[in-house]
Amino acid sequence: MKLDTVADKKVLVTGAAMGLGKLFAERAVREGAAAVVLWDINETALKETAVELSGRGVAIHHYVVDVSAQDAISEAAAAVRADVGDIDILINNAGIVRGNSYFWETTDRADIDKTMAINSLAPMYITLEFLPAMVRGTGTARVMTIASSAGLVSNPRMSVYAASKWAALGWSDSVRIELEQAGHDHVQITTVCPTYINTGMFNGAKGFLFTPILEQDDVVDASWREMKAGTALVILPWTSRLNKALSGLLPIKLRDLFLNSVGVYHSMDEFTGRKK
């Protein structure tokens, strides 16, 4: 069930204060959504984005939410239902990354909990708040989750991040199949798996063979288009699709040799991440 536009739809974006989330929110405003709901933990940046998007004929609602906390998600979702109503388009975009060390060198175990909570559990808990109403309704609805190409192939120096994105991908695509089996064709799930993006989160990470660091606008353009089309899985760029295919076909030793030779296994060697 194709969706030509999100005009008159209610859209919620997590991690909406900056980066991809802000661009997704801008896209919803541009298409004339009935309301755009912004969630982020960064109160200052969130308010700035809300002000920037206001005055364009679309109702903007913003909530400071720590999506690593299940109680915070439940409270914010209840507030959204009271203030805005049911959500038609949910963009699970919030995410964090920790890396540049081998797993056994991890010194702060809280980083493990935080990464899994935000990247894996939060999309589940947030979707559970809004998906039942989508299923009960009759209007076209969408859930898009930003996973990662790190959820497609193994990658050293980012093992916990990879684990969190493998979980997000497996969960999201399984829910897609559940909706199809149950005959809820008006609700469609899209999972997006890009390689490194120039949002600042992956500062220091290196592109690899034929795979430069992706531009934010290109990722948003492709993701938004495919979400409306109801595409199940979006893998960016084409080299990531190739790496996934070869990883499924080659014996492990040959797979490792290939991914190492094209640079995947050393892409996080100089990772620094966004400065706090």
C-alpha atoms as a PDB file:
ATOM      1  CA  MET A   1       0.000   0.000   0.000  1.00  0.00           C
ATOM      2  CA  LYS A   2       2.013   2.942  -1.317  1.00  0.00           C
ATOM      3  CA  LEU A   3       2.018   6.275   0.484  1.00  0.00           C
ATOM      4  CA  ASP A   4       2.508   9.210  -1.894  1.00  0.00           C
ATOM      5  CA  THR A   5       2.894  11.815   0.823  1.00  0.00           C
ATOM      6  CA  VAL A   6       2.716  12.199   4.603  1.00  0.00           C
ATOM      7  CA  ALA A   7       0.388  15.184   4.195  1.00  0.00           C
ATOM      8  CA  ASP A   8      -2.254  15.139   6.952  1.00  0.00           C
ATOM      9  CA  LYS A   9      -0.408  12.344   8.788  1.00  0.00           C
ATOM     10  CA  LYS A  10       0.933  12.563  12.327  1.00  0.00           C
ATOM     11  CA  VAL A  11       4.675  11.874  12.340  1.00  0.00           C
ATOM     12  CA  LEU A  12       6.939  11.108  15.305  1.00  0.00           C
ATOM     13  CA  VAL A  13      10.730  11.212  14.968  1.00  0.00           C
ATOM     14  CA  THR A  14      13.158  10.131  17.689  1.00  0.00           C
ATOM     15  CA  GLY A  15      16.611  11.671  17.866  1.00  0.00           C
ATOM     16  CA  ALA A  16      15.011  14.638  16.122  1.00  0.00           C
ATOM     17  CA  ALA A  17      17.144  17.510  17.401  1.00  0.00           C
ATOM     18  CA  MET A  18      19.929  17.126  14.842  1.00  0.00           C
ATOM     19  CA  GLY A  19      21.384  14.956  12.103  1.00  0.00           C
ATOM     20  CA  LEU A  20      19.142  12.520  10.272  1.00  0.00           C
ATOM     21  CA  GLY A  21      16.296  12.998  12.741  1.00  0.00           C
ATOM     22  CA  LYS A  22      16.099  16.720  12.085  1.00  0.00           C
ATOM     23  CA  LEU A  23      16.172  16.107   8.335  1.00  0.00           C
ATOM     24  CA  PHE A  24      13.352  13.559   8.599  1.00  0.00           C
ATOM     25  CA  ALA A  25      11.303  16.064  10.604  1.00  0.00           C
ATOM     26  CA  GLU A  26      11.985  18.758   8.023  1.00  0.00           C
ATOM     27  CA  ARG A  27      10.828  16.401   5.278  1.00  0.00           C
ATOM     28  CA  ALA A  28       7.553  15.740   7.138  1.00  0.00           C
ATOM     29  CA  VAL A  29       6.972  19.469   7.562  1.00  0.00           C
ATOM     30  CA  ARG A  30       7.731  20.098   3.899  1.00  0.00           C
ATOM     31  CA  GLU A  31       5.113  17.539   2.847  1.00  0.00           C
ATOM     32  CA  GLY A  32       2.452  19.114   5.057  1.00  0.00           C
ATOM     33  CA  ALA A  33       2.084  16.590   7.863  1.00  0.00           C
ATOM     34  CA  ALA A  34      -0.802  17.257  10.236  1.00  0.00           C
ATOM     35  CA  ALA A  35       1.627  17.225  13.170  1.00  0.00           C
ATOM     36  CA  VAL A  36       5.304  16.470  13.686  1.00  0.00           C
ATOM     37  CA  VAL A  37       6.411  15.187  17.085  1.00  0.00           C
ATOM     38  CA  LEU A  38      10.077  15.581  18.018  1.00  0.00           C
ATOM     39  CA  TRP A  39      11.759  13.424  20.676  1.00  0.00           C
ATOM     40  CA  ASP A  40      15.316  13.968  21.841  1.00  0.00           C
ATOM     41  CA  ILE A  41      17.344  14.000  25.049  1.00  0.00           C
ATOM     42  CA  ASN A  42      19.222  17.186  24.063  1.00  0.00           C
ATOM     43  CA  GLU A  43      16.832  19.838  25.370  1.00  0.00           C
ATOM     44  CA  THR A  44      18.680  22.844  23.973  1.00  0.00           C
ATOM     45  CA  ALA A  45      19.061  21.485  20.437  1.00  0.00           C
ATOM     46  CA  LEU A  46      15.512  20.110  20.539  1.00  0.00           C
ATOM     47  CA  LYS A  47      14.016  23.515  21.346  1.00  0.00           C
ATOM     48  CA  GLU A  48      16.071  25.124  18.598  1.00  0.00           C
ATOM     49  CA  THR A  49      14.838  22.591  16.048  1.00  0.00           C
ATOM     50  CA  ALA A  50      11.228  22.999  17.203  1.00  0.00           C
ATOM     51  CA  VAL A  51      11.473  26.766  16.777  1.00  0.00           C
ATOM     52  CA  GLU A  52      13.095  26.369  13.367  1.00  0.00           C
ATOM     53  CA  LEU A  53      10.318  24.088  12.133  1.00  0.00           C
ATOM     54  CA  SER A  54       7.470  26.153  13.540  1.00  0.00           C
ATOM     55  CA  GLY A  55       5.489  28.683  11.568  1.00  0.00           C
ATOM     56  CA  ARG A  56       5.246  26.577   8.436  1.00  0.00           C
ATOM     57  CA  GLY A  57       1.625  25.504   8.803  1.00  0.00           C
ATOM     58  CA  VAL A  58       2.419  22.254  10.633  1.00  0.00           C
ATOM     59  CA  ALA A  59       1.846  21.678  14.350  1.00  0.00           C
ATOM     60  CA  ILE A  60       5.189  20.989  16.044  1.00  0.00           C
ATOM     61  CA  HIS A  61       5.327  19.183  19.390  1.00  0.00           C
ATOM     62  CA  HIS A  62       8.595  18.492  21.183  1.00  0.00           C
ATOM     63  CA  TYR A  63       9.366  16.329  24.196  1.00  0.00           C
ATOM     64  CA  VAL A  64      12.622  15.804  26.048  1.00  0.00           C
ATOM     65  CA  VAL A  65      12.871  12.015  26.259  1.00  0.00           C
ATOM     66  CA  ASP A  66      15.628   9.656  27.382  1.00  0.00           C
ATOM     67  CA  VAL A  67      14.799   6.688  25.178  1.00  0.00           C
ATOM     68  CA  SER A  68      17.224   4.489  27.119  1.00  0.00           C
ATOM     69  CA  ALA A  69      14.648   4.459  29.952  1.00  0.00           C
ATOM     70  CA  GLN A  70      11.481   2.432  29.443  1.00  0.00           C
ATOM     71  CA  ASP A  71       9.502   4.534  31.940  1.00  0.00           C
ATOM     72  CA  ALA A  72      10.469   7.731  30.112  1.00  0.00           C
ATOM     73  CA  ILE A  73       9.256   6.236  26.837  1.00  0.00           C
ATOM     74  CA  SER A  74       5.912   5.249  28.362  1.00  0.00           C
ATOM     75  CA  GLU A  75       5.387   8.670  29.936  1.00  0.00           C
ATOM     76  CA  ALA A  76       6.265  10.544  26.760  1.00  0.00           C
ATOM     77  CA  ALA A  77       4.069   8.278  24.622  1.00  0.00           C
ATOM     78  CA  ALA A  78       1.122   8.872  26.941  1.00  0.00           C
ATOM     79  CA  ALA A  79       1.694  12.621  26.647  1.00  0.00           C
ATOM     80  CA  VAL A  80       1.789  12.362  22.841  1.00  0.00           C
ATOM     81  CA  ARG A  81      -1.484  10.443  22.746  1.00  0.00           C
ATOM     82  CA  ALA A  82      -3.083  13.059  24.989  1.00  0.00           C
ATOM     83  CA  ASP A  83      -1.689  16.061  23.117  1.00  0.00           C
ATOM     84  CA  VAL A  84      -1.602  14.849  19.527  1.00  0.00           C
ATOM     85  CA  GLY A  85      -3.488  11.552  19.267  1.00  0.00           C
ATOM     86  CA  ASP A  86      -2.411   8.363  17.541  1.00  0.00           C
ATOM     87  CA  ILE A  87       0.726   8.419  15.396  1.00  0.00           C
ATOM     88  CA  ASP A  88       0.612   7.400  11.727  1.00  0.00           C
ATOM     89  CA  ILE A  89       4.323   7.527  10.858  1.00  0.00           C
ATOM     90  CA  LEU A  90       6.984   6.489  13.386  1.00  0.00           C
ATOM     91  CA  ILE A  91      10.658   7.081  12.631  1.00  0.00           C
ATOM     92  CA  ASN A  92      12.915   5.183  15.061  1.00  0.00           C
ATOM     93  CA  ASN A  93      16.070   7.195  14.444  1.00  0.00           C
ATOM     94  CA  ALA A  94      17.717   7.753  17.855  1.00  0.00           C
ATOM     95  CA  GLY A  95      21.015   5.929  18.254  1.00  0.00           C
ATOM     96  CA  ILE A  96      24.472   6.047  19.798  1.00  0.00           C
ATOM     97  CA  VAL A  97      27.805   4.454  18.934  1.00  0.00           C
ATOM     98  CA  ARG A  98      30.756   3.413  21.051  1.00  0.00           C
ATOM     99  CA  GLY A  99      33.863   1.917  19.486  1.00  0.00           C
ATOM    100  CA  ASN A 100      37.589   1.924  18.712  1.00  0.00           C
ATOM    101  CA  SER A 101      38.510  -0.697  21.277  1.00  0.00           C
ATOM    102  CA  TYR A 102      38.425  -4.454  21.374  1.00  0.00           C
ATOM    103  CA  PHE A 103      35.560  -5.878  23.409  1.00  0.00           C
ATOM    104  CA  TRP A 104      37.789  -7.189  26.206  1.00  0.00           C
ATOM    105  CA  GLU A 105      39.196  -3.684  26.636  1.00  0.00           C
ATOM    106  CA  THR A 106      35.788  -2.315  27.634  1.00  0.00           C
ATOM    107  CA  THR A 107      36.176  -0.421  30.905  1.00  0.00           C
ATOM    108  CA  ASP A 108      32.702   1.072  31.305  1.00  0.00           C
ATOM    109  CA  ARG A 109      30.049  -1.617  31.238  1.00  0.00           C
ATOM    110  CA  ALA A 110      27.401   1.085  31.313  1.00  0.00           C
ATOM    111  CA  ASP A 111      28.314   1.752  27.671  1.00  0.00           C
ATOM    112  CA  ILE A 112      27.105  -1.744  26.819  1.00  0.00           C
ATOM    113  CA  ASP A 113      23.791  -1.221  28.601  1.00  0.00           C
ATOM    114  CA  LYS A 114      23.290   2.217  27.055  1.00  0.00           C
ATOM    115  CA  THR A 115      24.072   1.060  23.531  1.00  0.00           C
ATOM    116  CA  MET A 116      21.699  -1.892  23.710  1.00  0.00           C
ATOM    117  CA  ALA A 117      18.993   0.183  25.407  1.00  0.00           C
ATOM    118  CA  ILE A 118      18.992   2.990  22.845  1.00  0.00           C
ATOM    119  CA  ASN A 119      19.748   1.069  19.647  1.00  0.00           C
ATOM    120  CA  SER A 120      17.851  -2.171  20.305  1.00  0.00           C
ATOM    121  CA  LEU A 121      15.286  -1.893  23.092  1.00  0.00           C
ATOM    122  CA  ALA A 122      14.094   1.671  22.518  1.00  0.00           C
ATOM    123  CA  PRO A 123      12.739   0.998  18.998  1.00  0.00           C
ATOM    124  CA  MET A 124      10.850  -1.990  20.402  1.00  0.00           C
ATOM    125  CA  TYR A 125       9.342  -0.127  23.359  1.00  0.00           C
ATOM    126  CA  ILE A 126       8.511   2.973  21.313  1.00  0.00           C
ATOM    127  CA  THR A 127       6.903   0.959  18.523  1.00  0.00           C
ATOM    128  CA  LEU A 128       4.896  -1.003  21.063  1.00  0.00           C
ATOM    129  CA  GLU A 129       3.425   2.283  22.277  1.00  0.00           C
ATOM    130  CA  PHE A 130       2.096   3.270  18.853  1.00  0.00           C
ATOM    131  CA  LEU A 131       1.828   0.159  16.654  1.00  0.00           C
ATOM    132  CA  PRO A 132      -1.338  -1.315  18.259  1.00  0.00           C
ATOM    133  CA  ALA A 133      -3.322   1.801  17.290  1.00  0.00           C
ATOM    134  CA  MET A 134      -1.881   1.641  13.771  1.00  0.00           C
ATOM    135  CA  VAL A 135      -3.045  -1.971  13.515  1.00  0.00           C
ATOM    136  CA  ARG A 136      -6.519  -1.148  14.821  1.00  0.00           C
ATOM    137  CA  GLY A 137      -6.879   1.753  12.414  1.00  0.00           C
ATOM    138  CA  THR A 138      -7.615   1.672   8.715  1.00  0.00           C
ATOM    139  CA  GLY A 139      -5.345   4.437   7.464  1.00  0.00           C
ATOM    140  CA  THR A 140      -1.984   3.840   5.843  1.00  0.00           C
ATOM    141  CA  ALA A 141       0.737   3.739   8.516  1.00  0.00           C
ATOM    142  CA  ARG A 142       4.490   3.286   8.580  1.00  0.00           C
ATOM    143  CA  VAL A 143       7.262   2.369  11.021  1.00  0.00           C
ATOM    144  CA  MET A 144      10.809   3.036   9.860  1.00  0.00           C
ATOM    145  CA  THR A 145      13.790   1.991  11.956  1.00  0.00           C
ATOM    146  CA  ILE A 146      17.301   3.219  11.244  1.00  0.00           C
ATOM    147  CA  ALA A 147      19.528   0.200  11.813  1.00  0.00           C
ATOM    148  CA  SER A 148      22.980  -0.058  10.212  1.00  0.00           C
ATOM    149  CA  SER A 149      25.109  -2.025   7.812  1.00  0.00           C
ATOM    150  CA  ALA A 150      26.876  -3.052  11.017  1.00  0.00           C
ATOM    151  CA  GLY A 151      23.810  -5.236  11.484  1.00  0.00           C
ATOM    152  CA  LEU A 152      24.582  -7.106   8.273  1.00  0.00           C
ATOM    153  CA  VAL A 153      28.234  -8.112   8.683  1.00  0.00           C
ATOM    154  CA  SER A 154      30.567  -8.490  11.628  1.00  0.00           C
ATOM    155  CA  ASN A 155      33.008  -5.658  12.260  1.00  0.00           C
ATOM    156  CA  PRO A 156      35.815  -5.435  14.831  1.00  0.00           C
ATOM    157  CA  ARG A 157      36.135  -2.526  17.280  1.00  0.00           C
ATOM    158  CA  MET A 158      32.370  -2.029  17.299  1.00  0.00           C
ATOM    159  CA  SER A 159      31.107  -5.375  18.547  1.00  0.00           C
ATOM    160  CA  VAL A 160      28.461  -4.010  20.937  1.00  0.00           C
ATOM    161  CA  TYR A 161      27.198  -1.514  18.380  1.00  0.00           C
ATOM    162  CA  ALA A 162      27.042  -4.293  15.790  1.00  0.00           C
ATOM    163  CA  ALA A 163      25.144  -6.486  18.241  1.00  0.00           C
ATOM    164  CA  SER A 164      22.629  -3.721  18.894  1.00  0.00           C
ATOM    165  CA  LYS A 165      22.004  -3.187  15.195  1.00  0.00           C
ATOM    166  CA  TRP A 166      21.758  -6.918  14.457  1.00  0.00           C
ATOM    167  CA  ALA A 167      19.054  -7.008  17.118  1.00  0.00           C
ATOM    168  CA  ALA A 168      17.254  -3.981  15.681  1.00  0.00           C
ATOM    169  CA  LEU A 169      17.273  -5.446  12.181  1.00  0.00           C
ATOM    170  CA  GLY A 170      16.112  -8.890  13.269  1.00  0.00           C
ATOM    171  CA  TRP A 171      13.299  -7.460  15.380  1.00  0.00           C
ATOM    172  CA  SER A 172      12.111  -4.898  12.819  1.00  0.00           C
ATOM    173  CA  ASP A 173      12.001  -7.291   9.883  1.00  0.00           C
ATOM    174  CA  SER A 174      10.291  -9.961  11.990  1.00  0.00           C
ATOM    175  CA  VAL A 175       7.527  -7.501  12.907  1.00  0.00           C
ATOM    176  CA  ARG A 176       7.149  -6.732   9.203  1.00  0.00           C
ATOM    177  CA  ILE A 177       6.484 -10.402   8.505  1.00  0.00           C
ATOM    178  CA  GLU A 178       4.077 -10.636  11.455  1.00  0.00           C
ATOM    179  CA  LEU A 179       2.005  -7.778  10.034  1.00  0.00           C
ATOM    180  CA  GLU A 180       1.925  -9.463   6.634  1.00  0.00           C
ATOM    181  CA  GLN A 181       0.874 -12.793   8.155  1.00  0.00           C
ATOM    182  CA  ALA A 182      -1.903 -11.116  10.136  1.00  0.00           C
ATOM    183  CA  GLY A 183      -3.189  -9.301   7.050  1.00  0.00           C
ATOM    184  CA  HIS A 184      -2.491  -5.759   8.266  1.00  0.00           C
ATOM    185  CA  ASP A 185      -1.334  -4.501   4.902  1.00  0.00           C
ATOM    186  CA  HIS A 186      -2.094  -0.878   5.761  1.00  0.00           C
ATOM    187  CA  VAL A 187       0.860  -0.894   8.201  1.00  0.00           C
ATOM    188  CA  GLN A 188       4.272  -1.422   6.656  1.00  0.00           C
ATOM    189  CA  ILE A 189       7.724  -1.663   8.211  1.00  0.00           C
ATOM    190  CA  THR A 190      10.950  -0.397   6.682  1.00  0.00           C
ATOM    191  CA  THR A 191      14.414  -1.106   8.102  1.00  0.00           C
ATOM    192  CA  VAL A 192      17.304   1.047   6.880  1.00  0.00           C
ATOM    193  CA  CYS A 193      20.899  -0.211   6.986  1.00  0.00           C
ATOM    194  CA  PRO A 194      23.392   2.472   5.906  1.00  0.00           C
ATOM    195  CA  THR A 195      27.155   2.452   6.262  1.00  0.00           C
ATOM    196  CA  TYR A 196      28.896   5.361   8.009  1.00  0.00           C
ATOM    197  CA  ILE A 197      27.144   8.735   7.637  1.00  0.00           C
ATOM    198  CA  ASN A 198      28.637  12.203   8.068  1.00  0.00           C
ATOM    199  CA  THR A 199      26.454  13.120  11.043  1.00  0.00           C
ATOM    200  CA  GLY A 200      29.425  13.483  13.403  1.00  0.00           C
ATOM    201  CA  MET A 201      28.610  10.241  15.210  1.00  0.00           C
ATOM    202  CA  PHE A 202      31.213   8.408  13.141  1.00  0.00           C
ATOM    203  CA  ASN A 203      34.009  10.951  13.128  1.00  0.00           C
ATOM    204  CA  GLY A 204      37.292   9.156  12.474  1.00  0.00           C
ATOM    205  CA  ALA A 205      35.672   6.123  10.851  1.00  0.00           C
ATOM    206  CA  LYS A 206      37.025   5.362   7.382  1.00  0.00           C
ATOM    207  CA  GLY A 207      35.192   4.521   4.220  1.00  0.00           C
ATOM    208  CA  PHE A 208      36.299   1.390   2.416  1.00  0.00           C
ATOM    209  CA  LEU A 209      36.560   0.160  -1.162  1.00  0.00           C
ATOM    210  CA  PHE A 210      33.985   2.019  -3.323  1.00  0.00           C
ATOM    211  CA  THR A 211      32.225   3.017  -0.077  1.00  0.00           C
ATOM    212  CA  PRO A 212      32.774   6.635   0.964  1.00  0.00           C
ATOM    213  CA  ILE A 213      31.230   8.163   4.073  1.00  0.00           C
ATOM    214  CA  LEU A 214      27.577   8.749   3.148  1.00  0.00           C
ATOM    215  CA  GLU A 215      25.978  12.189   2.923  1.00  0.00           C
ATOM    216  CA  GLN A 216      23.081  12.785   5.314  1.00  0.00           C
ATOM    217  CA  ASP A 217      20.758  14.184   2.639  1.00  0.00           C
ATOM    218  CA  ASP A 218      21.316  11.167   0.387  1.00  0.00           C
ATOM    219  CA  VAL A 219      20.438   8.756   3.198  1.00  0.00           C
ATOM    220  CA  VAL A 220      17.323  10.716   4.131  1.00  0.00           C
ATOM    221  CA  ASP A 221      16.187  10.999   0.508  1.00  0.00           C
ATOM    222  CA  ALA A 222      16.491   7.255  -0.087  1.00  0.00           C
ATOM    223  CA  SER A 223      15.045   6.256   3.288  1.00  0.00           C
ATOM    224  CA  TRP A 224      12.059   8.599   3.030  1.00  0.00           C
ATOM    225  CA  ARG A 225      11.256   7.510  -0.513  1.00  0.00           C
ATOM    226  CA  GLU A 226      11.469   3.801   0.281  1.00  0.00           C
ATOM    227  CA  MET A 227       9.524   4.202   3.538  1.00  0.00           C
ATOM    228  CA  LYS A 228       6.600   5.716   1.657  1.00  0.00           C
ATOM    229  CA  ALA A 229       6.844   2.964  -0.943  1.00  0.00           C
ATOM    230  CA  GLY A 230       6.665   0.336   1.809  1.00  0.00           C
ATOM    231  CA  THR A 231      10.059  -1.159   0.971  1.00  0.00           C
ATOM    232  CA  ALA A 232      11.033  -3.776   3.545  1.00  0.00           C
ATOM    233  CA  LEU A 233      14.815  -3.337   3.667  1.00  0.00           C
ATOM    234  CA  VAL A 234      16.976  -0.443   2.497  1.00  0.00           C
ATOM    235  CA  ILE A 235      20.745  -1.120   2.380  1.00  0.00           C
ATOM    236  CA  LEU A 236      23.039   1.774   1.491  1.00  0.00           C
ATOM    237  CA  PRO A 237      25.205   1.878  -0.589  1.00  0.00           C
ATOM    238  CA  TRP A 238      25.318  -0.941  -3.135  1.00  0.00           C
ATOM    239  CA  THR A 239      28.660  -2.168  -1.806  1.00  0.00           C
ATOM    240  CA  SER A 240      27.012  -2.959   1.508  1.00  0.00           C
ATOM    241  CA  ARG A 241      24.486  -5.152  -0.289  1.00  0.00           C
ATOM    242  CA  LEU A 242      27.383  -6.886  -2.039  1.00  0.00           C
ATOM    243  CA  ASN A 243      29.231  -7.431   1.244  1.00  0.00           C
ATOM    244  CA  LYS A 244      26.116  -8.935   2.788  1.00  0.00           C
ATOM    245  CA  ALA A 245      25.541 -11.255  -0.157  1.00  0.00           C
ATOM    246  CA  LEU A 246      29.136 -12.469  -0.250  1.00  0.00           C
ATOM    247  CA  SER A 247      29.155 -12.951   3.516  1.00  0.00           C
ATOM    248  CA  GLY A 248      26.245 -15.332   3.137  1.00  0.00           C
ATOM    249  CA  LEU A 249      27.870 -17.276   0.333  1.00  0.00           C
ATOM    250  CA  LEU A 250      31.554 -17.466   1.212  1.00  0.00           C
ATOM    251  CA  PRO A 251      33.108 -19.747   3.835  1.00  0.00           C
ATOM    252  CA  ILE A 252      34.042 -17.758   6.930  1.00  0.00           C
ATOM    253  CA  LYS A 253      37.773 -17.660   6.186  1.00  0.00           C
ATOM    254  CA  LEU A 254      37.169 -16.347   2.677  1.00  0.00           C
ATOM    255  CA  ARG A 255      34.576 -13.917   3.991  1.00  0.00           C
ATOM    256  CA  ASP A 256      37.066 -12.551   6.503  1.00  0.00           C
ATOM    257  CA  LEU A 257      39.753 -12.313   3.841  1.00  0.00           C
ATOM    258  CA  PHE A 258      37.430 -10.388   1.528  1.00  0.00           C
ATOM    259  CA  LEU A 259      36.047  -7.960   4.134  1.00  0.00           C
ATOM    260  CA  ASN A 260      39.526  -7.368   5.521  1.00  0.00           C
ATOM    261  CA  SER A 261      41.009  -6.721   2.080  1.00  0.00           C
ATOM    262  CA  VAL A 262      38.367  -4.145   1.096  1.00  0.00           C
ATOM    263  CA  GLY A 263      38.834  -2.288   4.391  1.00  0.00           C
ATOM    264  CA  VAL A 264      35.677  -3.148   6.336  1.00  0.00           C
ATOM    265  CA  TYR A 265      37.580  -4.764   9.205  1.00  0.00           C
ATOM    266  CA  HIS A 266      39.786  -1.695   9.692  1.00  0.00           C
ATOM    267  CA  SER A 267      37.181   1.022   9.167  1.00  0.00           C
ATOM    268  CA  MET A 268      36.910   1.769  12.920  1.00  0.00           C
ATOM    269  CA  ASP A 269      40.641   1.801  13.692  1.00  0.00           C
ATOM    270  CA  GLU A 270      40.774   5.603  14.013  1.00  0.00           C
ATOM    271  CA  PHE A 271      37.220   6.217  15.199  1.00  0.00           C
ATOM    272  CA  THR A 272      36.776   9.122  17.626  1.00  0.00           C
ATOM    273  CA  GLY A 273      33.056   9.838  17.497  1.00  0.00           C
ATOM    274  CA  ARG A 274      31.299  13.121  18.138  1.00  0.00           C
ATOM    275  CA  LYS A 275      32.973  15.382  20.646  1.00  0.00           C
ATOM    276  CA  LYS A 276      30.854  15.926  23.759  1.00  0.00           C
END
